[in-house]
Amino acid sequence: MEVAEGERTAVRDTRHRHLGHLEFPVLEWEGFLRSLEQREL
């Protein structure tokens, strides 16, 4: 997986790059990372 952080966070599967990427607003991505750190997911 590759992650590009900026105004929006883009995520893509490195094995299937041809399928494109997903974009998330910064606050949603940060919330997702916090949930992982707190083991909420």
C-alpha atoms as a PDB file:
ATOM      1  CA  MET A   1       0.000   0.000   0.000  1.00  0.00           C
ATOM      2  CA  GLU A   2       1.175   3.508  -0.797  1.00  0.00           C
ATOM      3  CA  VAL A   3      -0.040   6.635   0.962  1.00  0.00           C
ATOM      4  CA  ALA A   4       0.408  10.182  -0.324  1.00  0.00           C
ATOM      5  CA  GLU A   5      -0.454  12.821   2.241  1.00  0.00           C
ATOM      6  CA  GLY A   6      -1.295  16.369   1.244  1.00  0.00           C
ATOM      7  CA  GLU A   7      -4.507  18.403   1.013  1.00  0.00           C
ATOM      8  CA  ARG A   8      -6.203  15.030   0.609  1.00  0.00           C
ATOM      9  CA  THR A   9      -4.724  11.626   1.463  1.00  0.00           C
ATOM     10  CA  ALA A  10      -4.471   9.231  -1.473  1.00  0.00           C
ATOM     11  CA  VAL A  11      -4.110   5.483  -0.891  1.00  0.00           C
ATOM     12  CA  ARG A  12      -3.461   2.779  -3.471  1.00  0.00           C
ATOM     13  CA  ASP A  13      -2.535  -0.890  -3.659  1.00  0.00           C
ATOM     14  CA  THR A  14       1.008  -1.211  -5.017  1.00  0.00           C
ATOM     15  CA  ARG A  15       0.217  -4.568  -6.627  1.00  0.00           C
ATOM     16  CA  HIS A  16      -2.813  -3.227  -8.482  1.00  0.00           C
ATOM     17  CA  ARG A  17      -1.893   0.354  -9.333  1.00  0.00           C
ATOM     18  CA  HIS A  18      -3.994   0.175 -12.494  1.00  0.00           C
ATOM     19  CA  LEU A  19      -7.135   0.107 -10.317  1.00  0.00           C
ATOM     20  CA  GLY A  20      -6.498   3.670  -9.181  1.00  0.00           C
ATOM     21  CA  HIS A  21      -6.567   5.123  -5.688  1.00  0.00           C
ATOM     22  CA  LEU A  22      -8.905   6.206  -2.913  1.00  0.00           C
ATOM     23  CA  GLU A  23      -8.857   9.741  -1.526  1.00  0.00           C
ATOM     24  CA  PHE A  24      -9.742  10.828   1.991  1.00  0.00           C
ATOM     25  CA  PRO A  25      -9.993  14.262   3.610  1.00  0.00           C
ATOM     26  CA  VAL A  26      -7.106  14.893   6.002  1.00  0.00           C
ATOM     27  CA  LEU A  27      -9.267  14.876   9.150  1.00  0.00           C
ATOM     28  CA  GLU A  28     -10.845  11.538   8.238  1.00  0.00           C
ATOM     29  CA  TRP A  29      -7.431   9.974   7.551  1.00  0.00           C
ATOM     30  CA  GLU A  30      -6.051  11.286  10.857  1.00  0.00           C
ATOM     31  CA  GLY A  31      -9.104   9.877  12.667  1.00  0.00           C
ATOM     32  CA  PHE A  32      -8.543   6.512  11.004  1.00  0.00           C
ATOM     33  CA  LEU A  33      -4.898   6.464  12.124  1.00  0.00           C
ATOM     34  CA  ARG A  34      -5.885   7.408  15.693  1.00  0.00           C
ATOM     35  CA  SER A  35      -8.379   4.540  15.731  1.00  0.00           C
ATOM     36  CA  LEU A  36      -5.637   2.136  14.700  1.00  0.00           C
ATOM     37  CA  GLU A  37      -3.307   3.445  17.378  1.00  0.00           C
ATOM     38  CA  GLN A  38      -6.020   3.041  20.011  1.00  0.00           C
ATOM     39  CA  ARG A  39      -6.949  -0.384  18.608  1.00  0.00           C
ATOM     40  CA  GLU A  40     -10.553   0.688  18.061  1.00  0.00           C
ATOM     41  CA  LEU A  41     -10.717  -1.066  14.679  1.00  0.00           C
END
